[in-house]
Amino acid sequence: MSEIRPGQQVLVAALPIPMNGLHLLGDAVERIYGTGETTVDFSRGDSIAISAPKAGFGKRKTSRRPKPDDVDPDAKLRSSHVNDDELILTLEEAQDTVLIFSTALRQWFDLSGGINYVTAKVLPPDGRHEPEYHVTVQRASGLSAHELRQQAEARVAALEEQLRAAGIEPVAA
């Protein structure tokens, strides 16, 4: 048996898959190869790929697998695409779920006084787990948070250079 290299694809799954499919696939990888920070490639369009952790796999998971949450038994991830830094997921049979989620995010944008983007915390139904990530809602016509940060950093660098040219050393933050 050959050793699996960091970043090597270990599983490719054709779409569509049920919404809890990513959890089930991740669990299968941990039971076959071991635990670790695997990555999921959504850029394939009609399939997704899971790659080995950069630090390598740890011990294999052997405990009894809990029954996965049935997020929406009819919802399936139909396709996924990556366009630069934008992930586009198409869900089938989940129109009501997507409508409710997108309406809630839009209302949060308006209620919070969003100008370009706002960030929301999305919790699982049981509410027991803090999310590891947040969802950012941005106007389609606006700059991303990353682009705005780059502009701000460039402006700070230019202002610091102007201060140095005037004989003033900028104060460290």
Protein backbone atom coordinates (compact mmCIF):
# COMPACT_ATOMS: atom_id res chain seq x y z
CA MET A 1 0.00 0.00 0.00
CA SER A 2 1.42 3.39 -0.95
CA GLU A 3 1.50 6.29 1.48
CA ILE A 4 -0.96 9.10 0.93
CA ARG A 5 0.72 12.44 0.34
CA PRO A 6 -0.50 15.68 1.97
CA GLY A 7 -3.06 17.33 -0.33
CA GLN A 8 -3.61 14.14 -2.35
CA GLN A 9 -7.23 13.45 -3.30
CA VAL A 10 -8.62 10.59 -1.29
CA LEU A 11 -12.29 10.71 -2.28
CA VAL A 12 -14.29 12.06 -5.23
CA ALA A 13 -18.08 12.04 -5.02
CA ALA A 14 -20.47 12.71 -7.89
CA LEU A 15 -23.23 15.25 -7.34
CA PRO A 16 -26.07 15.45 -6.43
CA ILE A 17 -25.66 14.29 -2.85
CA PRO A 18 -27.95 14.77 0.17
CA MET A 19 -27.21 17.86 2.26
CA ASN A 20 -25.80 15.72 5.06
CA GLY A 21 -23.59 13.96 2.48
CA LEU A 22 -20.51 16.05 3.24
CA HIS A 23 -20.71 14.98 6.88
CA LEU A 24 -21.08 11.34 5.87
CA LEU A 25 -18.20 11.54 3.36
CA GLY A 26 -15.96 13.25 5.93
CA ASP A 27 -16.81 10.56 8.45
CA ALA A 28 -15.97 7.84 5.89
CA VAL A 29 -12.57 9.45 5.18
CA GLU A 30 -11.81 9.59 8.93
CA ARG A 31 -12.69 5.88 9.28
CA ILE A 32 -10.72 4.76 6.21
CA TYR A 33 -7.66 7.06 6.31
CA GLY A 34 -7.66 8.84 9.67
CA THR A 35 -8.52 12.17 11.23
CA GLY A 36 -7.16 15.58 10.26
CA GLU A 37 -7.97 18.86 8.55
CA THR A 38 -9.03 17.60 5.12
CA THR A 39 -9.97 20.03 2.36
CA VAL A 40 -12.99 19.90 0.09
CA ASP A 41 -12.68 20.98 -3.55
CA PHE A 42 -15.97 22.43 -4.83
CA SER A 43 -14.50 23.64 -8.13
CA ARG A 44 -15.25 20.48 -10.11
CA GLY A 45 -18.88 21.37 -10.93
CA ASP A 46 -20.46 17.91 -11.09
CA SER A 47 -18.49 16.37 -8.21
CA ILE A 48 -16.61 17.26 -5.05
CA ALA A 49 -13.20 15.98 -3.96
CA ILE A 50 -11.74 15.55 -0.49
CA SER A 51 -7.95 15.82 -0.11
CA ALA A 52 -5.63 14.59 2.61
CA PRO A 53 -4.60 17.02 5.37
CA LYS A 54 -1.42 19.04 4.84
CA ALA A 55 -0.12 17.69 8.15
CA GLY A 56 -1.04 14.11 7.23
CA PHE A 57 -3.69 11.87 8.69
CA GLY A 58 -3.94 11.09 12.40
CA LYS A 59 -5.46 8.00 13.99
CA ARG A 60 -8.44 6.41 12.28
CA LYS A 61 -11.82 7.05 13.85
CA THR A 62 -13.19 3.82 15.32
CA SER A 63 -15.94 4.98 17.68
CA ARG A 64 -19.54 4.25 16.84
CA ARG A 65 -20.80 6.73 14.26
CA PRO A 66 -23.70 8.85 15.52
CA LYS A 67 -26.74 9.12 13.29
CA PRO A 68 -26.16 12.16 11.05
CA ASP A 69 -28.45 15.14 11.28
CA ASP A 70 -31.05 15.01 8.54
CA VAL A 71 -30.84 18.67 7.59
CA ASP A 72 -33.51 18.46 4.92
CA PRO A 73 -34.28 14.96 3.65
CA ASP A 74 -35.30 16.24 0.22
CA ALA A 75 -32.50 18.77 -0.28
CA LYS A 76 -29.48 17.81 -2.37
CA LEU A 77 -26.33 19.62 -3.40
CA ARG A 78 -26.69 19.49 -7.19
CA SER A 79 -23.60 21.37 -8.36
CA SER A 80 -20.78 23.54 -7.10
CA HIS A 81 -18.47 25.99 -8.81
CA VAL A 82 -15.62 28.20 -7.67
CA ASN A 83 -15.13 31.53 -9.45
CA ASP A 84 -12.00 33.22 -8.03
CA ASP A 85 -12.91 33.60 -4.34
CA GLU A 86 -16.65 32.98 -4.82
CA LEU A 87 -18.27 29.61 -4.07
CA ILE A 88 -21.54 28.97 -5.94
CA LEU A 89 -23.66 26.08 -4.67
CA THR A 90 -26.85 24.95 -6.40
CA LEU A 91 -29.35 23.11 -4.23
CA GLU A 92 -32.20 21.04 -5.60
CA GLU A 93 -35.47 20.33 -3.86
CA ALA A 94 -34.63 22.95 -1.24
CA GLN A 95 -36.28 26.05 -2.64
CA ASP A 96 -38.13 26.79 0.60
CA THR A 97 -34.97 26.42 2.70
CA VAL A 98 -32.92 28.62 0.38
CA LEU A 99 -35.70 31.21 0.24
CA ILE A 100 -36.01 31.37 4.03
CA PHE A 101 -32.22 31.57 4.50
CA SER A 102 -31.68 34.21 1.82
CA THR A 103 -34.63 36.29 3.08
CA ALA A 104 -33.26 36.18 6.63
CA LEU A 105 -29.81 37.27 5.44
CA ARG A 106 -31.27 40.09 3.34
CA GLN A 107 -33.37 41.30 6.30
CA TRP A 108 -30.27 41.20 8.53
CA PHE A 109 -28.43 43.30 5.94
CA ASP A 110 -31.20 45.91 5.98
CA LEU A 111 -31.82 45.86 9.76
CA SER A 112 -28.14 46.17 10.64
CA GLY A 113 -27.70 49.15 8.30
CA GLY A 114 -25.37 47.31 5.96
CA ILE A 115 -23.73 49.55 3.38
CA ASN A 116 -21.61 47.00 1.54
CA TYR A 117 -21.52 43.81 3.63
CA VAL A 118 -22.59 42.35 6.97
CA THR A 119 -21.63 39.15 8.77
CA ALA A 120 -24.07 36.65 10.26
CA LYS A 121 -23.55 33.74 12.62
CA VAL A 122 -25.48 30.64 11.54
CA LEU A 123 -26.12 28.05 14.25
CA PRO A 124 -27.22 24.44 13.90
CA PRO A 125 -30.80 23.65 14.97
CA ASP A 126 -29.69 22.19 18.31
CA GLY A 127 -27.84 25.44 19.14
CA ARG A 128 -25.21 23.49 21.10
CA HIS A 129 -22.25 24.19 18.85
CA GLU A 130 -20.65 27.54 18.15
CA PRO A 131 -20.03 27.94 14.44
CA GLU A 132 -16.44 27.77 13.30
CA TYR A 133 -17.16 30.23 10.50
CA HIS A 134 -19.54 33.11 9.84
CA VAL A 135 -21.50 33.98 6.70
CA THR A 136 -20.80 37.33 5.05
CA VAL A 137 -23.54 38.86 2.92
CA GLN A 138 -22.26 41.41 0.44
CA ARG A 139 -23.90 43.59 -2.17
CA ALA A 140 -23.17 42.11 -5.59
CA SER A 141 -22.03 45.52 -6.81
CA GLY A 142 -19.73 46.21 -3.82
CA LEU A 143 -16.12 45.41 -3.05
CA SER A 144 -15.41 42.30 -0.99
CA ALA A 145 -14.17 42.61 2.59
CA HIS A 146 -10.78 41.37 1.36
CA GLU A 147 -10.61 44.07 -1.36
CA LEU A 148 -11.60 46.79 1.15
CA ARG A 149 -8.91 45.58 3.58
CA GLN A 150 -6.31 45.66 0.78
CA GLN A 151 -7.30 49.25 -0.06
CA ALA A 152 -7.09 50.27 3.60
CA GLU A 153 -3.68 48.63 4.02
CA ALA A 154 -2.37 50.37 0.89
CA ARG A 155 -3.67 53.72 2.17
CA VAL A 156 -2.05 53.21 5.60
CA ALA A 157 1.27 52.32 3.91
CA ALA A 158 1.08 55.46 1.71
CA LEU A 159 0.26 57.69 4.71
CA GLU A 160 3.10 56.17 6.75
CA GLU A 161 5.47 56.85 3.86
CA GLN A 162 4.27 60.48 3.71
CA LEU A 163 4.88 60.84 7.47
CA ARG A 164 8.41 59.41 7.11
CA ALA A 165 9.09 61.79 4.19
CA ALA A 166 8.05 64.64 6.52
CA GLY A 167 10.48 63.37 9.18
CA ILE A 168 7.85 61.80 11.44
CA GLU A 169 8.05 58.13 12.42
CA PRO A 170 4.54 56.59 12.50
CA VAL A 171 3.35 55.19 15.81
CA ALA A 172 3.09 51.40 15.89
CA ALA A 173 -0.41 50.08 16.48
